[in-house]
Amino acid sequence: MPTIKPSAYLRNNYNEVSEFCHSKMEPVFITKNGYGDLAVMSVIDRGGFPLKLFLVG
């Protein structure tokens, strides 16, 4: 089941969200005003995901 948190939770608990993403290797979905806005994930656990995205896209 996906982990979904409001934007205020990310702002107030950044270290906890970061630790979760690193340890569980899962993204955390962030909502803004009740609607999906962002997906936060560990770059290290994803094997350099942004570089792959840059090369493909």
PDB file of N, CA and C in Angstrom:
ATOM      1  N   MET A   1       0.850  -1.171   0.000  1.00  0.00           N
ATOM      2  CA  MET A   1       0.000   0.000   0.000  1.00  0.00           C
ATOM      3  C   MET A   1       0.900   1.239   0.000  1.00  0.00           C
ATOM      4  N   PRO A   2       0.624   2.220  -0.864  1.00  0.00           N
ATOM      5  CA  PRO A   2       1.491   3.403  -0.939  1.00  0.00           C
ATOM      6  C   PRO A   2       1.413   4.250   0.327  1.00  0.00           C
ATOM      7  N   THR A   3       2.511   4.939   0.583  1.00  0.00           N
ATOM      8  CA  THR A   3       2.581   5.865   1.718  1.00  0.00           C
ATOM      9  C   THR A   3       2.239   7.251   1.197  1.00  0.00           C
ATOM     10  N   ILE A   4       1.175   7.834   1.736  1.00  0.00           N
ATOM     11  CA  ILE A   4       0.693   9.143   1.300  1.00  0.00           C
ATOM     12  C   ILE A   4       0.661  10.068   2.503  1.00  0.00           C
ATOM     13  N   LYS A   5       1.288  11.237   2.370  1.00  0.00           N
ATOM     14  CA  LYS A   5       1.361  12.214   3.465  1.00  0.00           C
ATOM     15  C   LYS A   5       1.046  13.610   2.928  1.00  0.00           C
ATOM     16  N   PRO A   6       0.510  14.477   3.769  1.00  0.00           N
ATOM     17  CA  PRO A   6       0.288  15.869   3.349  1.00  0.00           C
ATOM     18  C   PRO A   6       1.608  16.643   3.312  1.00  0.00           C
ATOM     19  N   SER A   7       1.623  17.745   2.584  1.00  0.00           N
ATOM     20  CA  SER A   7       2.853  18.533   2.447  1.00  0.00           C
ATOM     21  C   SER A   7       3.363  19.034   3.793  1.00  0.00           C
ATOM     22  N   ALA A   8       2.470  19.336   4.720  1.00  0.00           N
ATOM     23  CA  ALA A   8       2.900  19.798   6.045  1.00  0.00           C
ATOM     24  C   ALA A   8       3.701  18.720   6.769  1.00  0.00           C
ATOM     25  N   TYR A   9       3.356  17.459   6.546  1.00  0.00           N
ATOM     26  CA  TYR A   9       4.092  16.359   7.178  1.00  0.00           C
ATOM     27  C   TYR A   9       5.532  16.329   6.679  1.00  0.00           C
ATOM     28  N   LEU A  10       5.723  16.520   5.387  1.00  0.00           N
ATOM     29  CA  LEU A  10       7.080  16.556   4.830  1.00  0.00           C
ATOM     30  C   LEU A  10       7.861  17.725   5.417  1.00  0.00           C
ATOM     31  N   ARG A  11       7.221  18.866   5.508  1.00  0.00           N
ATOM     32  CA  ARG A  11       7.881  20.059   6.041  1.00  0.00           C
ATOM     33  C   ARG A  11       8.306  19.863   7.497  1.00  0.00           C
ATOM     34  N   ASN A  12       7.453  19.217   8.291  1.00  0.00           N
ATOM     35  CA  ASN A  12       7.728  19.066   9.722  1.00  0.00           C
ATOM     36  C   ASN A  12       8.499  17.800  10.080  1.00  0.00           C
ATOM     37  N   ASN A  13       8.566  16.838   9.169  1.00  0.00           N
ATOM     38  CA  ASN A  13       9.195  15.545   9.471  1.00  0.00           C
ATOM     39  C   ASN A  13      10.115  15.093   8.343  1.00  0.00           C
ATOM     40  N   TYR A  14      10.886  15.993   7.793  1.00  0.00           N
ATOM     41  CA  TYR A  14      11.726  15.675   6.639  1.00  0.00           C
ATOM     42  C   TYR A  14      12.640  14.484   6.907  1.00  0.00           C
ATOM     43  N   ASN A  15      13.317  14.483   8.051  1.00  0.00           N
ATOM     44  CA  ASN A  15      14.264  13.405   8.355  1.00  0.00           C
ATOM     45  C   ASN A  15      13.570  12.048   8.428  1.00  0.00           C
ATOM     46  N   GLU A  16      12.380  12.009   8.961  1.00  0.00           N
ATOM     47  CA  GLU A  16      11.626  10.764   9.048  1.00  0.00           C
ATOM     48  C   GLU A  16      11.244  10.261   7.652  1.00  0.00           C
ATOM     49  N   VAL A  17      10.809  11.166   6.791  1.00  0.00           N
ATOM     50  CA  VAL A  17      10.451  10.788   5.422  1.00  0.00           C
ATOM     51  C   VAL A  17      11.686  10.294   4.680  1.00  0.00           C
ATOM     52  N   SER A  18      12.799  10.985   4.845  1.00  0.00           N
ATOM     53  CA  SER A  18      14.044  10.576   4.204  1.00  0.00           C
ATOM     54  C   SER A  18      14.475   9.186   4.667  1.00  0.00           C
ATOM     55  N   GLU A  19      14.430   8.957   5.961  1.00  0.00           N
ATOM     56  CA  GLU A  19      14.808   7.656   6.511  1.00  0.00           C
ATOM     57  C   GLU A  19      13.890   6.556   5.969  1.00  0.00           C
ATOM     58  N   PHE A  20      12.604   6.827   5.893  1.00  0.00           N
ATOM     59  CA  PHE A  20      11.645   5.857   5.364  1.00  0.00           C
ATOM     60  C   PHE A  20      11.996   5.496   3.921  1.00  0.00           C
ATOM     61  N   CYS A  21      12.232   6.502   3.090  1.00  0.00           N
ATOM     62  CA  CYS A  21      12.535   6.262   1.679  1.00  0.00           C
ATOM     63  C   CYS A  21      13.815   5.452   1.510  1.00  0.00           C
ATOM     64  N   HIS A  22      14.825   5.729   2.327  1.00  0.00           N
ATOM     65  CA  HIS A  22      16.089   4.993   2.244  1.00  0.00           C
ATOM     66  C   HIS A  22      15.954   3.567   2.751  1.00  0.00           C
ATOM     67  N   SER A  23      15.233   3.378   3.841  1.00  0.00           N
ATOM     68  CA  SER A  23      15.162   2.048   4.450  1.00  0.00           C
ATOM     69  C   SER A  23      14.179   1.118   3.746  1.00  0.00           C
ATOM     70  N   LYS A  24      13.063   1.634   3.279  1.00  0.00           N
ATOM     71  CA  LYS A  24      12.029   0.801   2.658  1.00  0.00           C
ATOM     72  C   LYS A  24      12.158   0.718   1.138  1.00  0.00           C
ATOM     73  N   MET A  25      12.993   1.587   0.564  1.00  0.00           N
ATOM     74  CA  MET A  25      13.154   1.664  -0.890  1.00  0.00           C
ATOM     75  C   MET A  25      11.804   1.874  -1.580  1.00  0.00           C
ATOM     76  N   GLU A  26      10.969   2.725  -0.991  1.00  0.00           N
ATOM     77  CA  GLU A  26       9.650   3.057  -1.527  1.00  0.00           C
ATOM     78  C   GLU A  26       9.492   4.572  -1.564  1.00  0.00           C
ATOM     79  N   PRO A  27       8.733   5.078  -2.527  1.00  0.00           N
ATOM     80  CA  PRO A  27       8.466   6.516  -2.535  1.00  0.00           C
ATOM     81  C   PRO A  27       7.402   6.891  -1.506  1.00  0.00           C
ATOM     82  N   VAL A  28       7.385   8.153  -1.133  1.00  0.00           N
ATOM     83  CA  VAL A  28       6.323   8.726  -0.311  1.00  0.00           C
ATOM     84  C   VAL A  28       5.609   9.735  -1.201  1.00  0.00           C
ATOM     85  N   PHE A  29       4.314   9.599  -1.326  1.00  0.00           N
ATOM     86  CA  PHE A  29       3.524  10.508  -2.151  1.00  0.00           C
ATOM     87  C   PHE A  29       3.033  11.652  -1.279  1.00  0.00           C
ATOM     88  N   ILE A  30       3.247  12.882  -1.750  1.00  0.00           N
ATOM     89  CA  ILE A  30       2.902  14.091  -1.004  1.00  0.00           C
ATOM     90  C   ILE A  30       1.684  14.745  -1.644  1.00  0.00           C
ATOM     91  N   THR A  31       0.725  15.115  -0.796  1.00  0.00           N
ATOM     92  CA  THR A  31      -0.467  15.807  -1.290  1.00  0.00           C
ATOM     93  C   THR A  31      -0.397  17.294  -0.952  1.00  0.00           C
ATOM     94  N   LYS A  32      -1.073  18.083  -1.748  1.00  0.00           N
ATOM     95  CA  LYS A  32      -1.190  19.529  -1.520  1.00  0.00           C
ATOM     96  C   LYS A  32      -2.662  19.865  -1.683  1.00  0.00           C
ATOM     97  N   ASN A  33      -3.271  20.398  -0.637  1.00  0.00           N
ATOM     98  CA  ASN A  33      -4.704  20.702  -0.632  1.00  0.00           C
ATOM     99  C   ASN A  33      -5.541  19.467  -0.963  1.00  0.00           C
ATOM    100  N   GLY A  34      -5.087  18.310  -0.511  1.00  0.00           N
ATOM    101  CA  GLY A  34      -5.840  17.077  -0.695  1.00  0.00           C
ATOM    102  C   GLY A  34      -5.658  16.370  -2.026  1.00  0.00           C
ATOM    103  N   TYR A  35      -4.819  16.909  -2.895  1.00  0.00           N
ATOM    104  CA  TYR A  35      -4.587  16.319  -4.210  1.00  0.00           C
ATOM    105  C   TYR A  35      -3.129  15.904  -4.353  1.00  0.00           C
ATOM    106  N   GLY A  36      -2.867  14.843  -5.104  1.00  0.00           N
ATOM    107  CA  GLY A  36      -1.500  14.391  -5.334  1.00  0.00           C
ATOM    108  C   GLY A  36      -0.656  15.485  -5.952  1.00  0.00           C
ATOM    109  N   ASP A  37       0.578  15.655  -5.435  1.00  0.00           N
ATOM    110  CA  ASP A  37       1.452  16.720  -5.920  1.00  0.00           C
ATOM    111  C   ASP A  37       2.856  16.219  -6.240  1.00  0.00           C
ATOM    112  N   LEU A  38       3.461  15.428  -5.344  1.00  0.00           N
ATOM    113  CA  LEU A  38       4.853  15.001  -5.504  1.00  0.00           C
ATOM    114  C   LEU A  38       5.034  13.548  -5.114  1.00  0.00           C
ATOM    115  N   ALA A  39       6.111  12.960  -5.604  1.00  0.00           N
ATOM    116  CA  ALA A  39       6.572  11.661  -5.129  1.00  0.00           C
ATOM    117  C   ALA A  39       8.011  11.857  -4.682  1.00  0.00           C
ATOM    118  N   VAL A  40       8.305  11.526  -3.439  1.00  0.00           N
ATOM    119  CA  VAL A  40       9.649  11.685  -2.879  1.00  0.00           C
ATOM    120  C   VAL A  40      10.261  10.307  -2.757  1.00  0.00           C
ATOM    121  N   MET A  41      11.484  10.151  -3.296  1.00  0.00           N
ATOM    122  CA  MET A  41      12.154   8.864  -3.191  1.00  0.00           C
ATOM    123  C   MET A  41      13.653   9.057  -3.087  1.00  0.00           C
ATOM    124  N   SER A  42      14.325   8.022  -2.643  1.00  0.00           N
ATOM    125  CA  SER A  42      15.766   8.057  -2.481  1.00  0.00           C
ATOM    126  C   SER A  42      16.452   7.898  -3.832  1.00  0.00           C
ATOM    127  N   VAL A  43      17.368   8.782  -4.135  1.00  0.00           N
ATOM    128  CA  VAL A  43      18.141   8.682  -5.368  1.00  0.00           C
ATOM    129  C   VAL A  43      19.116   7.509  -5.275  1.00  0.00           C
ATOM    130  N   ILE A  44      19.680   7.298  -4.119  1.00  0.00           N
ATOM    131  CA  ILE A  44      20.648   6.215  -3.929  1.00  0.00           C
ATOM    132  C   ILE A  44      19.982   4.864  -4.134  1.00  0.00           C
ATOM    133  N   ASP A  45      18.817   4.664  -3.558  1.00  0.00           N
ATOM    134  CA  ASP A  45      18.116   3.387  -3.683  1.00  0.00           C
ATOM    135  C   ASP A  45      17.639   3.140  -5.105  1.00  0.00           C
ATOM    136  N   ARG A  46      17.451   4.156  -5.874  1.00  0.00           N
ATOM    137  CA  ARG A  46      16.959   3.999  -7.240  1.00  0.00           C
ATOM    138  C   ARG A  46      18.096   3.918  -8.252  1.00  0.00           C
ATOM    139  N   GLY A  47      19.325   3.844  -7.783  1.00  0.00           N
ATOM    140  CA  GLY A  47      20.458   3.652  -8.692  1.00  0.00           C
ATOM    141  C   GLY A  47      20.702   4.794  -9.649  1.00  0.00           C
ATOM    142  N   GLY A  48      20.608   6.021  -9.172  1.00  0.00           N
ATOM    143  CA  GLY A  48      20.876   7.171 -10.032  1.00  0.00           C
ATOM    144  C   GLY A  48      19.728   7.490 -10.968  1.00  0.00           C
ATOM    145  N   PHE A  49      18.514   7.342 -10.516  1.00  0.00           N
ATOM    146  CA  PHE A  49      17.316   7.563 -11.319  1.00  0.00           C
ATOM    147  C   PHE A  49      17.340   8.868 -12.116  1.00  0.00           C
ATOM    148  N   PRO A  50      17.714  10.005 -11.533  1.00  0.00           N
ATOM    149  CA  PRO A  50      17.674  11.248 -12.310  1.00  0.00           C
ATOM    150  C   PRO A  50      18.589  11.204 -13.545  1.00  0.00           C
ATOM    151  N   LEU A  51      19.745  10.536 -13.438  1.00  0.00           N
ATOM    152  CA  LEU A  51      20.657  10.436 -14.573  1.00  0.00           C
ATOM    153  C   LEU A  51      20.010   9.636 -15.693  1.00  0.00           C
ATOM    154  N   LYS A  52      19.362   8.527 -15.363  1.00  0.00           N
ATOM    155  CA  LYS A  52      18.678   7.708 -16.360  1.00  0.00           C
ATOM    156  C   LYS A  52      17.558   8.493 -17.021  1.00  0.00           C
ATOM    157  N   LEU A  53      16.818   9.253 -16.244  1.00  0.00           N
ATOM    158  CA  LEU A  53      15.735  10.063 -16.783  1.00  0.00           C
ATOM    159  C   LEU A  53      16.290  11.095 -17.753  1.00  0.00           C
ATOM    160  N   PHE A  54      17.404  11.715 -17.395  1.00  0.00           N
ATOM    161  CA  PHE A  54      18.020  12.728 -18.245  1.00  0.00           C
ATOM    162  C   PHE A  54      18.471  12.104 -19.562  1.00  0.00           C
ATOM    163  N   LEU A  55      19.072  10.931 -19.512  1.00  0.00           N
ATOM    164  CA  LEU A  55      19.581  10.305 -20.721  1.00  0.00           C
ATOM    165  C   LEU A  55      18.466   9.817 -21.641  1.00  0.00           C
ATOM    166  N   VAL A  56      17.371   9.354 -21.067  1.00  0.00           N
ATOM    167  CA  VAL A  56      16.268   8.829 -21.872  1.00  0.00           C
ATOM    168  C   VAL A  56      15.358   9.936 -22.354  1.00  0.00           C
ATOM    169  N   GLY A  57      15.054  10.875 -21.452  1.00  0.00           N
ATOM    170  CA  GLY A  57      14.073  11.909 -21.773  1.00  0.00           C
ATOM    171  C   GLY A  57      14.717  13.126 -22.253  1.00  0.00           C
TER     172      GLY A  57
END
